[in-house]
PDB file of N, CA and C in Angstrom:
ATOM      1  N   UNK A   1       0.821  -1.197   0.000  1.00  0.00           N
ATOM      2  CA  UNK A   1       0.000   0.000   0.000  1.00  0.00           C
ATOM      3  C   UNK A   1       0.860   1.254   0.000  1.00  0.00           C
ATOM      4  N   UNK A   2       2.018   1.206   0.680  1.00  0.00           N
ATOM      5  CA  UNK A   2       2.870   2.375   0.760  1.00  0.00           C
ATOM      6  C   UNK A   2       3.378   2.777  -0.625  1.00  0.00           C
ATOM      7  N   UNK A   3       3.738   1.811  -1.441  1.00  0.00           N
ATOM      8  CA  UNK A   3       4.230   2.121  -2.781  1.00  0.00           C
ATOM      9  C   UNK A   3       3.172   2.838  -3.598  1.00  0.00           C
ATOM     10  N   UNK A   4       1.936   2.393  -3.533  1.00  0.00           N
ATOM     11  CA  UNK A   4       0.882   3.050  -4.299  1.00  0.00           C
ATOM     12  C   UNK A   4       0.651   4.473  -3.791  1.00  0.00           C
ATOM     13  N   UNK A   5       0.780   4.707  -2.479  1.00  0.00           N
ATOM     14  CA  UNK A   5       0.612   6.038  -1.926  1.00  0.00           C
ATOM     15  C   UNK A   5       1.746   6.957  -2.392  1.00  0.00           C
ATOM     16  N   UNK A   6       2.955   6.434  -2.398  1.00  0.00           N
ATOM     17  CA  UNK A   6       4.102   7.207  -2.868  1.00  0.00           C
ATOM     18  C   UNK A   6       3.940   7.528  -4.353  1.00  0.00           C
ATOM     19  N   UNK A   7       3.527   6.561  -5.135  1.00  0.00           N
ATOM     20  CA  UNK A   7       3.287   6.794  -6.561  1.00  0.00           C
ATOM     21  C   UNK A   7       2.222   7.857  -6.768  1.00  0.00           C
ATOM     22  N   UNK A   8       1.166   7.784  -5.991  1.00  0.00           N
ATOM     23  CA  UNK A   8       0.073   8.736  -6.099  1.00  0.00           C
ATOM     24  C   UNK A   8       0.553  10.147  -5.778  1.00  0.00           C
ATOM     25  N   UNK A   9       1.270  10.305  -4.689  1.00  0.00           N
ATOM     26  CA  UNK A   9       1.780  11.627  -4.301  1.00  0.00           C
ATOM     27  C   UNK A   9       2.751  12.148  -5.360  1.00  0.00           C
ATOM     28  N   UNK A  10       3.642  11.306  -5.837  1.00  0.00           N
ATOM     29  CA  UNK A  10       4.597  11.723  -6.857  1.00  0.00           C
ATOM     30  C   UNK A  10       3.912  12.156  -8.137  1.00  0.00           C
ATOM     31  N   UNK A  11       2.853  11.468  -8.520  1.00  0.00           N
ATOM     32  CA  UNK A  11       2.160  11.839  -9.754  1.00  0.00           C
ATOM     33  C   UNK A  11       1.524  13.219  -9.628  1.00  0.00           C
ATOM     34  N   UNK A  12       0.976  13.537  -8.455  1.00  0.00           N
ATOM     35  CA  UNK A  12       0.429  14.872  -8.237  1.00  0.00           C
ATOM     36  C   UNK A  12       1.543  15.905  -8.099  1.00  0.00           C
ATOM     37  N   UNK A  13       2.624  15.532  -7.445  1.00  0.00           N
ATOM     38  CA  UNK A  13       3.739  16.458  -7.242  1.00  0.00           C
ATOM     39  C   UNK A  13       4.284  16.935  -8.578  1.00  0.00           C
ATOM     40  N   UNK A  14       4.412  16.046  -9.532  1.00  0.00           N
ATOM     41  CA  UNK A  14       4.900  16.442 -10.856  1.00  0.00           C
ATOM     42  C   UNK A  14       3.949  17.428 -11.521  1.00  0.00           C
ATOM     43  N   UNK A  15       2.667  17.283 -11.302  1.00  0.00           N
ATOM     44  CA  UNK A  15       1.672  18.217 -11.854  1.00  0.00           C
ATOM     45  C   UNK A  15       1.799  19.590 -11.211  1.00  0.00           C
ATOM     46  N   UNK A  16       1.993  19.616  -9.906  1.00  0.00           N
ATOM     47  CA  UNK A  16       2.030  20.874  -9.159  1.00  0.00           C
ATOM     48  C   UNK A  16       3.246  21.707  -9.536  1.00  0.00           C
ATOM     49  N   UNK A  17       4.351  21.063  -9.859  1.00  0.00           N
ATOM     50  CA  UNK A  17       5.570  21.797 -10.159  1.00  0.00           C
ATOM     51  C   UNK A  17       5.612  22.321 -11.588  1.00  0.00           C
ATOM     52  N   UNK A  18       4.639  21.996 -12.393  1.00  0.00           N
ATOM     53  CA  UNK A  18       4.569  22.511 -13.761  1.00  0.00           C
ATOM     54  C   UNK A  18       4.069  23.954 -13.727  1.00  0.00           C
ATOM     55  N   UNK A  19       3.961  24.579 -14.887  1.00  0.00           N
ATOM     56  CA  UNK A  19       3.428  25.939 -14.936  1.00  0.00           C
ATOM     57  C   UNK A  19       1.969  25.933 -14.488  1.00  0.00           C
ATOM     58  N   UNK A  20       1.448  27.093 -14.136  1.00  0.00           N
ATOM     59  CA  UNK A  20       0.088  27.181 -13.599  1.00  0.00           C
ATOM     60  C   UNK A  20      -0.935  26.617 -14.574  1.00  0.00           C
ATOM     61  N   UNK A  21      -0.885  27.034 -15.814  1.00  0.00           N
ATOM     62  CA  UNK A  21      -1.860  26.553 -16.804  1.00  0.00           C
ATOM     63  C   UNK A  21      -1.752  25.050 -16.980  1.00  0.00           C
ATOM     64  N   UNK A  22      -0.530  24.565 -17.112  1.00  0.00           N
ATOM     65  CA  UNK A  22      -0.326  23.127 -17.270  1.00  0.00           C
ATOM     66  C   UNK A  22      -0.717  22.379 -16.002  1.00  0.00           C
ATOM     67  N   UNK A  23      -0.421  22.969 -14.837  1.00  0.00           N
ATOM     68  CA  UNK A  23      -0.720  22.308 -13.571  1.00  0.00           C
ATOM     69  C   UNK A  23      -2.206  22.028 -13.415  1.00  0.00           C
ATOM     70  N   UNK A  24      -3.034  22.998 -13.717  1.00  0.00           N
ATOM     71  CA  UNK A  24      -4.478  22.845 -13.530  1.00  0.00           C
ATOM     72  C   UNK A  24      -5.014  21.698 -14.369  1.00  0.00           C
ATOM     73  N   UNK A  25      -4.658  21.675 -15.638  1.00  0.00           N
ATOM     74  CA  UNK A  25      -5.157  20.592 -16.486  1.00  0.00           C
ATOM     75  C   UNK A  25      -4.527  19.254 -16.114  1.00  0.00           C
ATOM     76  N   UNK A  26      -3.246  19.275 -15.753  1.00  0.00           N
ATOM     77  CA  UNK A  26      -2.583  18.029 -15.347  1.00  0.00           C
ATOM     78  C   UNK A  26      -3.168  17.479 -14.053  1.00  0.00           C
ATOM     79  N   UNK A  27      -3.436  18.363 -13.099  1.00  0.00           N
ATOM     80  CA  UNK A  27      -4.013  17.922 -11.826  1.00  0.00           C
ATOM     81  C   UNK A  27      -5.399  17.329 -12.053  1.00  0.00           C
ATOM     82  N   UNK A  28      -6.207  17.987 -12.863  1.00  0.00           N
ATOM     83  CA  UNK A  28      -7.551  17.462 -13.147  1.00  0.00           C
ATOM     84  C   UNK A  28      -7.466  16.086 -13.798  1.00  0.00           C
ATOM     85  N   UNK A  29      -6.582  15.943 -14.752  1.00  0.00           N
ATOM     86  CA  UNK A  29      -6.415  14.660 -15.450  1.00  0.00           C
ATOM     87  C   UNK A  29      -5.886  13.598 -14.485  1.00  0.00           C
ATOM     88  N   UNK A  30      -4.886  13.972 -13.683  1.00  0.00           N
ATOM     89  CA  UNK A  30      -4.306  13.024 -12.729  1.00  0.00           C
ATOM     90  C   UNK A  30      -5.314  12.633 -11.659  1.00  0.00           C
ATOM     91  N   UNK A  31      -6.138  13.591 -11.228  1.00  0.00           N
ATOM     92  CA  UNK A  31      -7.142  13.281 -10.211  1.00  0.00           C
ATOM     93  C   UNK A  31      -8.142  12.264 -10.741  1.00  0.00           C
ATOM     94  N   UNK A  32      -8.568  12.438 -11.983  1.00  0.00           N
ATOM     95  CA  UNK A  32      -9.503  11.485 -12.580  1.00  0.00           C
ATOM     96  C   UNK A  32      -8.888  10.087 -12.643  1.00  0.00           C
ATOM     97  N   UNK A  33      -7.628  10.016 -13.034  1.00  0.00           N
ATOM     98  CA  UNK A  33      -6.940   8.717 -13.075  1.00  0.00           C
ATOM     99  C   UNK A  33      -6.795   8.111 -11.684  1.00  0.00           C
ATOM    100  N   UNK A  34      -6.396   8.949 -10.722  1.00  0.00           N
ATOM    101  CA  UNK A  34      -6.202   8.462  -9.354  1.00  0.00           C
ATOM    102  C   UNK A  34      -7.514   8.010  -8.743  1.00  0.00           C
ATOM    103  N   UNK A  35      -8.569   8.742  -9.011  1.00  0.00           N
ATOM    104  CA  UNK A  35      -9.874   8.377  -8.462  1.00  0.00           C
ATOM    105  C   UNK A  35     -10.313   7.023  -9.008  1.00  0.00           C
ATOM    106  N   UNK A  36     -10.065   6.784 -10.276  1.00  0.00           N
ATOM    107  CA  UNK A  36     -10.419   5.502 -10.884  1.00  0.00           C
ATOM    108  C   UNK A  36      -9.584   4.363 -10.300  1.00  0.00           C
ATOM    109  N   UNK A  37      -8.284   4.629 -10.125  1.00  0.00           N
ATOM    110  CA  UNK A  37      -7.379   3.575  -9.663  1.00  0.00           C
ATOM    111  C   UNK A  37      -7.442   3.342  -8.159  1.00  0.00           C
ATOM    112  N   UNK A  38      -7.528   4.440  -7.361  1.00  0.00           N
ATOM    113  CA  UNK A  38      -7.418   4.326  -5.904  1.00  0.00           C
ATOM    114  C   UNK A  38      -8.698   4.651  -5.143  1.00  0.00           C
ATOM    115  N   UNK A  39      -9.647   5.300  -5.795  1.00  0.00           N
ATOM    116  CA  UNK A  39     -10.869   5.732  -5.125  1.00  0.00           C
ATOM    117  C   UNK A  39     -10.780   7.194  -4.712  1.00  0.00           C
ATOM    118  N   UNK A  40     -11.935   7.785  -4.427  1.00  0.00           N
ATOM    119  CA  UNK A  40     -12.049   9.210  -4.115  1.00  0.00           C
ATOM    120  C   UNK A  40     -11.191   9.610  -2.914  1.00  0.00           C
ATOM    121  N   UNK A  41     -11.318   8.893  -1.807  1.00  0.00           N
ATOM    122  CA  UNK A  41     -10.608   9.258  -0.580  1.00  0.00           C
ATOM    123  C   UNK A  41      -9.095   9.262  -0.770  1.00  0.00           C
ATOM    124  N   UNK A  42      -8.577   8.248  -1.408  1.00  0.00           N
ATOM    125  CA  UNK A  42      -7.126   8.173  -1.639  1.00  0.00           C
ATOM    126  C   UNK A  42      -6.663   9.262  -2.609  1.00  0.00           C
ATOM    127  N   UNK A  43      -7.482   9.557  -3.608  1.00  0.00           N
ATOM    128  CA  UNK A  43      -7.118  10.614  -4.569  1.00  0.00           C
ATOM    129  C   UNK A  43      -7.047  11.967  -3.866  1.00  0.00           C
ATOM    130  N   UNK A  44      -8.025  12.253  -3.018  1.00  0.00           N
ATOM    131  CA  UNK A  44      -8.023  13.511  -2.252  1.00  0.00           C
ATOM    132  C   UNK A  44      -6.812  13.558  -1.329  1.00  0.00           C
ATOM    133  N   UNK A  45      -6.544  12.470  -0.632  1.00  0.00           N
ATOM    134  CA  UNK A  45      -5.412  12.422   0.291  1.00  0.00           C
ATOM    135  C   UNK A  45      -4.090  12.621  -0.450  1.00  0.00           C
ATOM    136  N   UNK A  46      -3.932  11.975  -1.580  1.00  0.00           N
ATOM    137  CA  UNK A  46      -2.704  12.122  -2.373  1.00  0.00           C
ATOM    138  C   UNK A  46      -2.513  13.540  -2.867  1.00  0.00           C
ATOM    139  N   UNK A  47      -3.580  14.152  -3.342  1.00  0.00           N
ATOM    140  CA  UNK A  47      -3.510  15.531  -3.818  1.00  0.00           C
ATOM    141  C   UNK A  47      -3.163  16.480  -2.679  1.00  0.00           C
ATOM    142  N   UNK A  48      -3.813  16.314  -1.548  1.00  0.00           N
ATOM    143  CA  UNK A  48      -3.542  17.177  -0.399  1.00  0.00           C
ATOM    144  C   UNK A  48      -2.099  17.030   0.075  1.00  0.00           C
ATOM    145  N   UNK A  49      -1.611  15.814   0.164  1.00  0.00           N
ATOM    146  CA  UNK A  49      -0.239  15.603   0.616  1.00  0.00           C
ATOM    147  C   UNK A  49       0.762  16.185  -0.377  1.00  0.00           C
ATOM    148  N   UNK A  50       0.467  16.086  -1.659  1.00  0.00           N
ATOM    149  CA  UNK A  50       1.361  16.668  -2.663  1.00  0.00           C
ATOM    150  C   UNK A  50       1.406  18.185  -2.535  1.00  0.00           C
ATOM    151  N   UNK A  51       0.268  18.827  -2.247  1.00  0.00           N
ATOM    152  CA  UNK A  51       0.259  20.268  -2.046  1.00  0.00           C
ATOM    153  C   UNK A  51       1.050  20.660  -0.799  1.00  0.00           C
ATOM    154  N   UNK A  52       0.911  19.895   0.263  1.00  0.00           N
ATOM    155  CA  UNK A  52       1.670  20.176   1.489  1.00  0.00           C
ATOM    156  C   UNK A  52       3.168  20.052   1.224  1.00  0.00           C
ATOM    157  N   UNK A  53       3.569  19.007   0.530  1.00  0.00           N
ATOM    158  CA  UNK A  53       4.981  18.811   0.200  1.00  0.00           C
ATOM    159  C   UNK A  53       5.489  19.964  -0.657  1.00  0.00           C
ATOM    160  N   UNK A  54       4.713  20.362  -1.662  1.00  0.00           N
ATOM    161  CA  UNK A  54       5.118  21.469  -2.535  1.00  0.00           C
ATOM    162  C   UNK A  54       5.245  22.771  -1.748  1.00  0.00           C
ATOM    163  N   UNK A  55       4.323  23.026  -0.845  1.00  0.00           N
ATOM    164  CA  UNK A  55       4.374  24.246  -0.038  1.00  0.00           C
ATOM    165  C   UNK A  55       5.577  24.223   0.900  1.00  0.00           C
ATOM    166  N   UNK A  56       5.862  23.088   1.511  1.00  0.00           N
ATOM    167  CA  UNK A  56       7.035  22.979   2.375  1.00  0.00           C
ATOM    168  C   UNK A  56       8.326  23.172   1.586  1.00  0.00           C
ATOM    169  N   UNK A  57       8.361  22.639   0.390  1.00  0.00           N
ATOM    170  CA  UNK A  57       9.530  22.818  -0.474  1.00  0.00           C
ATOM    171  C   UNK A  57       9.715  24.300  -0.807  1.00  0.00           C
ATOM    172  N   UNK A  58       8.621  24.981  -1.127  1.00  0.00           N
ATOM    173  CA  UNK A  58       8.678  26.406  -1.455  1.00  0.00           C
ATOM    174  C   UNK A  58       9.187  27.217  -0.265  1.00  0.00           C
ATOM    175  N   UNK A  59       8.658  26.926   0.914  1.00  0.00           N
ATOM    176  CA  UNK A  59       9.090  27.647   2.118  1.00  0.00           C
ATOM    177  C   UNK A  59      10.568  27.411   2.412  1.00  0.00           C
ATOM    178  N   UNK A  60      11.013  26.188   2.247  1.00  0.00           N
ATOM    179  CA  UNK A  60      12.423  25.873   2.465  1.00  0.00           C
ATOM    180  C   UNK A  60      13.298  26.668   1.505  1.00  0.00           C
ATOM    181  N   UNK A  61      12.919  26.694   0.234  1.00  0.00           N
ATOM    182  CA  UNK A  61      13.710  27.429  -0.750  1.00  0.00           C
ATOM    183  C   UNK A  61      13.733  28.921  -0.447  1.00  0.00           C
ATOM    184  N   UNK A  62      12.599  29.475  -0.042  1.00  0.00           N
ATOM    185  CA  UNK A  62      12.570  30.898   0.324  1.00  0.00           C
ATOM    186  C   UNK A  62      13.491  31.176   1.501  1.00  0.00           C
ATOM    187  N   UNK A  63      13.477  30.308   2.486  1.00  0.00           N
ATOM    188  CA  UNK A  63      14.336  30.474   3.658  1.00  0.00           C
ATOM    189  C   UNK A  63      15.806  30.401   3.259  1.00  0.00           C
ATOM    190  N   UNK A  64      16.137  29.435   2.422  1.00  0.00           N
ATOM    191  CA  UNK A  64      17.524  29.275   1.971  1.00  0.00           C
ATOM    192  C   UNK A  64      17.968  30.499   1.167  1.00  0.00           C
ATOM    193  N   UNK A  65      17.110  31.005   0.308  1.00  0.00           N
ATOM    194  CA  UNK A  65      17.476  32.182  -0.497  1.00  0.00           C
ATOM    195  C   UNK A  65      17.634  33.420   0.378  1.00  0.00           C
ATOM    196  N   UNK A  66      16.844  33.527   1.425  1.00  0.00           N
ATOM    197  CA  UNK A  66      16.940  34.674   2.326  1.00  0.00           C
ATOM    198  C   UNK A  66      18.246  34.675   3.107  1.00  0.00           C
ATOM    199  N   UNK A  67      18.840  33.519   3.284  1.00  0.00           N
ATOM    200  CA  UNK A  67      20.103  33.404   4.006  1.00  0.00           C
ATOM    201  C   UNK A  67      21.276  33.981   3.216  1.00  0.00           C
ATOM    202  N   UNK A  68      21.148  34.032   1.904  1.00  0.00           N
ATOM    203  CA  UNK A  68      22.266  34.459   1.057  1.00  0.00           C
ATOM    204  C   UNK A  68      22.126  35.857   0.595  1.00  0.00           C
TER     205      UNK A  68
END
């Protein structure tokens, strides 16, 4: 189960890091695929975790850039 969760988060993470226009369509497409493969609850959880990871990554980078 852990591998499928990691795959799910990674698939959303790749969508989030794309440009805004591409991200929206990619996320919608990925969500539909994830919902079919894993179910609604897992798709929502994967998307939410990917957003949290992306936000934490952004904050870390901002902090690192502020140091220099």
